[in-house]
C-alpha atoms as a PDB file:
ATOM      1  CA  MET A   1      40.243  75.789  43.121  1.00  0.00           C
ATOM      2  CA  SER A   2      37.647  77.687  41.116  1.00  0.00           C
ATOM      3  CA  ASP A   3      37.664  76.128  37.643  1.00  0.00           C
ATOM      4  CA  PRO A   4      37.215  72.385  37.140  1.00  0.00           C
ATOM      5  CA  THR A   5      40.214  70.726  35.570  1.00  0.00           C
ATOM      6  CA  THR A   6      40.759  67.440  33.790  1.00  0.00           C
ATOM      7  CA  ARG A   7      44.477  67.075  34.410  1.00  0.00           C
ATOM      8  CA  PRO A   8      45.757  63.750  35.773  1.00  0.00           C
ATOM      9  CA  MET A   9      46.462  63.610  39.506  1.00  0.00           C
ATOM     10  CA  ALA A  10      49.133  61.326  40.995  1.00  0.00           C
ATOM     11  CA  ALA A  11      49.136  60.090  44.598  1.00  0.00           C
ATOM     12  CA  ARG A  12      52.832  61.005  44.864  1.00  0.00           C
ATOM     13  CA  ASP A  13      51.909  64.664  44.239  1.00  0.00           C
ATOM     14  CA  VAL A  14      49.304  64.917  47.033  1.00  0.00           C
ATOM     15  CA  PRO A  15      50.484  65.276  50.645  1.00  0.00           C
ATOM     16  CA  ALA A  16      49.323  62.483  52.957  1.00  0.00           C
ATOM     17  CA  ASP A  17      46.718  63.274  55.595  1.00  0.00           C
ATOM     18  CA  ARG A  18      47.580  61.161  58.673  1.00  0.00           C
ATOM     19  CA  ARG A  19      45.164  62.686  61.201  1.00  0.00           C
ATOM     20  CA  ARG A  20      42.878  59.642  61.307  1.00  0.00           C
ATOM     21  CA  GLY A  21      45.479  56.914  60.741  1.00  0.00           C
ATOM     22  CA  GLY A  22      47.117  55.543  57.614  1.00  0.00           C
ATOM     23  CA  GLU A  23      47.989  57.791  54.697  1.00  0.00           C
ATOM     24  CA  LEU A  24      44.932  59.358  53.066  1.00  0.00           C
ATOM     25  CA  ARG A  25      45.250  61.275  49.815  1.00  0.00           C
ATOM     26  CA  VAL A  26      42.292  62.938  48.100  1.00  0.00           C
ATOM     27  CA  LEU A  27      43.242  62.903  44.433  1.00  0.00           C
ATOM     28  CA  LEU A  28      40.072  64.168  42.794  1.00  0.00           C
ATOM     29  CA  GLY A  29      38.016  66.576  44.877  1.00  0.00           C
ATOM     30  CA  PRO A  30      36.822  70.162  45.194  1.00  0.00           C
ATOM     31  CA  ARG A  31      40.283  71.414  46.222  1.00  0.00           C
ATOM     32  CA  THR A  32      42.310  69.470  43.656  1.00  0.00           C
ATOM     33  CA  VAL A  33      40.172  69.467  40.501  1.00  0.00           C
ATOM     34  CA  GLY A  34      37.082  71.525  41.372  1.00  0.00           C
ATOM     35  CA  SER A  35      34.655  68.590  41.547  1.00  0.00           C
ATOM     36  CA  THR A  36      31.164  69.357  42.833  1.00  0.00           C
ATOM     37  CA  SER A  37      29.540  65.949  43.371  1.00  0.00           C
ATOM     38  CA  GLY A  38      32.063  63.962  45.415  1.00  0.00           C
ATOM     39  CA  PHE A  39      35.697  63.064  45.870  1.00  0.00           C
ATOM     40  CA  MET A  40      38.028  60.130  45.259  1.00  0.00           C
ATOM     41  CA  GLY A  41      41.353  59.131  46.695  1.00  0.00           C
ATOM     42  CA  VAL A  42      43.604  56.401  47.993  1.00  0.00           C
ATOM     43  CA  ALA A  43      44.430  55.190  51.491  1.00  0.00           C
ATOM     44  CA  VAL A  44      47.618  53.293  52.306  1.00  0.00           C
ATOM     45  CA  LEU A  45      47.681  51.253  55.510  1.00  0.00           C
ATOM     46  CA  GLN A  46      50.735  49.435  56.807  1.00  0.00           C
ATOM     47  CA  PRO A  47      50.234  46.004  58.444  1.00  0.00           C
ATOM     48  CA  GLY A  48      48.399  46.506  61.747  1.00  0.00           C
ATOM     49  CA  GLU A  49      47.524  50.127  60.948  1.00  0.00           C
ATOM     50  CA  ARG A  50      43.978  51.479  60.832  1.00  0.00           C
ATOM     51  CA  ILE A  51      41.831  54.450  59.927  1.00  0.00           C
ATOM     52  CA  ALA A  52      39.821  55.478  62.984  1.00  0.00           C
ATOM     53  CA  GLU A  53      36.110  54.812  63.182  1.00  0.00           C
ATOM     54  CA  HIS A  54      33.902  57.538  61.697  1.00  0.00           C
ATOM     55  CA  TYR A  55      30.760  58.067  59.652  1.00  0.00           C
ATOM     56  CA  HIS A  56      29.554  60.366  56.894  1.00  0.00           C
ATOM     57  CA  PRO A  57      26.157  62.027  57.494  1.00  0.00           C
ATOM     58  CA  TYR A  58      25.749  63.125  53.860  1.00  0.00           C
ATOM     59  CA  SER A  59      27.821  60.755  51.737  1.00  0.00           C
ATOM     60  CA  GLU A  60      27.893  57.152  50.650  1.00  0.00           C
ATOM     61  CA  GLU A  61      31.374  55.663  50.516  1.00  0.00           C
ATOM     62  CA  PHE A  62      32.690  53.154  48.003  1.00  0.00           C
ATOM     63  CA  LEU A  63      35.840  51.186  48.885  1.00  0.00           C
ATOM     64  CA  TYR A  64      38.000  49.075  46.567  1.00  0.00           C
ATOM     65  CA  VAL A  65      41.058  47.136  47.760  1.00  0.00           C
ATOM     66  CA  ALA A  66      43.706  47.549  45.066  1.00  0.00           C
ATOM     67  CA  ARG A  67      46.429  45.763  47.040  1.00  0.00           C
ATOM     68  CA  GLY A  68      46.612  43.789  50.281  1.00  0.00           C
ATOM     69  CA  ALA A  69      43.829  42.819  52.661  1.00  0.00           C
ATOM     70  CA  ILE A  70      41.776  44.867  55.095  1.00  0.00           C
ATOM     71  CA  THR A  71      38.891  44.444  57.469  1.00  0.00           C
ATOM     72  CA  VAL A  72      36.190  47.092  57.482  1.00  0.00           C
ATOM     73  CA  ASP A  73      34.233  47.255  60.726  1.00  0.00           C
ATOM     74  CA  LEU A  74      30.685  48.344  59.802  1.00  0.00           C
ATOM     75  CA  ASP A  75      28.816  49.286  62.985  1.00  0.00           C
ATOM     76  CA  ASP A  76      31.189  46.874  64.791  1.00  0.00           C
ATOM     77  CA  ARG A  77      30.553  44.025  62.300  1.00  0.00           C
ATOM     78  CA  PRO A  78      33.866  42.942  60.684  1.00  0.00           C
ATOM     79  CA  MET A  79      33.860  42.601  56.890  1.00  0.00           C
ATOM     80  CA  PRO A  80      37.140  41.166  55.494  1.00  0.00           C
ATOM     81  CA  LEU A  81      38.142  42.375  52.026  1.00  0.00           C
ATOM     82  CA  ASP A  82      40.956  41.082  49.854  1.00  0.00           C
ATOM     83  CA  THR A  83      42.667  42.463  46.757  1.00  0.00           C
ATOM     84  CA  GLY A  84      40.108  43.057  44.009  1.00  0.00           C
ATOM     85  CA  GLU A  85      37.112  43.264  46.358  1.00  0.00           C
ATOM     86  CA  ALA A  86      34.884  46.279  46.987  1.00  0.00           C
ATOM     87  CA  LEU A  87      32.408  47.392  49.643  1.00  0.00           C
ATOM     88  CA  PHE A  88      29.595  49.949  49.789  1.00  0.00           C
ATOM     89  CA  VAL A  89      29.263  51.955  53.024  1.00  0.00           C
ATOM     90  CA  PRO A  90      25.836  53.645  53.331  1.00  0.00           C
ATOM     91  CA  VAL A  91      25.266  57.109  54.817  1.00  0.00           C
ATOM     92  CA  ASN A  92      25.496  57.236  58.645  1.00  0.00           C
ATOM     93  CA  ILE A  93      27.119  53.795  59.043  1.00  0.00           C
ATOM     94  CA  ARG A  94      30.082  53.843  61.430  1.00  0.00           C
ATOM     95  CA  HIS A  95      33.161  52.289  59.829  1.00  0.00           C
ATOM     96  CA  ARG A  96      36.844  51.714  60.514  1.00  0.00           C
ATOM     97  CA  LEU A  97      39.453  50.283  58.126  1.00  0.00           C
ATOM     98  CA  ARG A  98      42.141  47.940  59.493  1.00  0.00           C
ATOM     99  CA  ASN A  99      45.014  46.350  57.614  1.00  0.00           C
ATOM    100  CA  THR A 100      44.706  42.736  58.731  1.00  0.00           C
ATOM    101  CA  GLY A 101      47.212  41.423  56.208  1.00  0.00           C
ATOM    102  CA  ALA A 102      50.988  41.016  56.157  1.00  0.00           C
ATOM    103  CA  VAL A 103      51.704  43.604  53.429  1.00  0.00           C
ATOM    104  CA  PRO A 104      50.769  47.274  52.947  1.00  0.00           C
ATOM    105  CA  ALA A 105      47.186  47.734  51.762  1.00  0.00           C
ATOM    106  CA  GLU A 106      46.046  50.263  49.174  1.00  0.00           C
ATOM    107  CA  VAL A 107      42.364  51.172  49.211  1.00  0.00           C
ATOM    108  CA  VAL A 108      40.656  53.396  46.657  1.00  0.00           C
ATOM    109  CA  PHE A 109      37.745  55.368  48.114  1.00  0.00           C
ATOM    110  CA  HIS A 110      35.020  57.521  46.617  1.00  0.00           C
ATOM    111  CA  LEU A 111      32.439  59.571  48.540  1.00  0.00           C
ATOM    112  CA  GLY A 112      29.385  61.325  47.212  1.00  0.00           C
ATOM    113  CA  PRO A 113      27.442  63.480  47.342  1.00  0.00           C
ATOM    114  CA  LEU A 114      29.457  66.170  49.069  1.00  0.00           C
ATOM    115  CA  ALA A 115      28.322  67.542  52.430  1.00  0.00           C
ATOM    116  CA  PRO A 116      27.015  71.132  52.372  1.00  0.00           C
ATOM    117  CA  ARG A 117      30.325  72.226  53.968  1.00  0.00           C
ATOM    118  CA  PRO A 118      33.567  70.194  54.276  1.00  0.00           C
ATOM    119  CA  GLU A 119      33.571  70.204  58.090  1.00  0.00           C
ATOM    120  CA  LEU A 120      30.122  68.508  58.093  1.00  0.00           C
ATOM    121  CA  GLY A 121      31.195  65.583  55.926  1.00  0.00           C
ATOM    122  CA  HIS A 122      33.088  63.468  58.470  1.00  0.00           C
ATOM    123  CA  VAL A 123      32.189  62.623  62.083  1.00  0.00           C
ATOM    124  CA  ASP A 124      34.860  60.931  64.224  1.00  0.00           C
ATOM    125  CA  THR A 125      33.561  58.340  66.713  1.00  0.00           C
ATOM    126  CA  GLU A 126      36.856  57.262  68.335  1.00  0.00           C
ATOM    127  CA  LEU A 127      39.026  59.202  70.743  1.00  0.00           C
ATOM    128  CA  VAL A 128      42.534  60.196  69.648  1.00  0.00           C
ATOM    129  CA  GLU A 129      44.166  57.548  71.894  1.00  0.00           C
ATOM    130  CA  GLN A 130      42.021  54.832  70.265  1.00  0.00           C
ATOM    131  CA  ARG A 131      43.346  55.603  66.766  1.00  0.00           C
ATOM    132  CA  GLY A 132      46.609  53.688  66.898  1.00  0.00           C
ATOM    133  CA  ALA A 133      47.291  50.304  65.336  1.00  0.00           C
ATOM    134  CA  SER A 134      44.862  47.569  66.338  1.00  0.00           C
END
């Protein structure tokens, strides 16, 4: 996308990215609305599902639990979060999101600033076979 846009974006209109676990959808980002400072989206995790451990070498991450309950493992330290709670994840901190509740969890995420190139923004720290439900 070349020109920034201010049109509304709906999660139902963005294909889910399932490569790291759960359903990740970037709603507002360089590819969808032409943003230049960060991106925002939603993750949906079914009970027992997780998003594999990773870190961001350039970006801070902000998480908000809109529905359900999750545990965020920050450098292997579990941090439980319930509906209506938020968490700040600093640059270079390893983190994994796990749905530790009995219902699907919806988590809003925002990352900024952007990495110099998209492929530099996310570093996986778990092997593919470790990415299943916990």
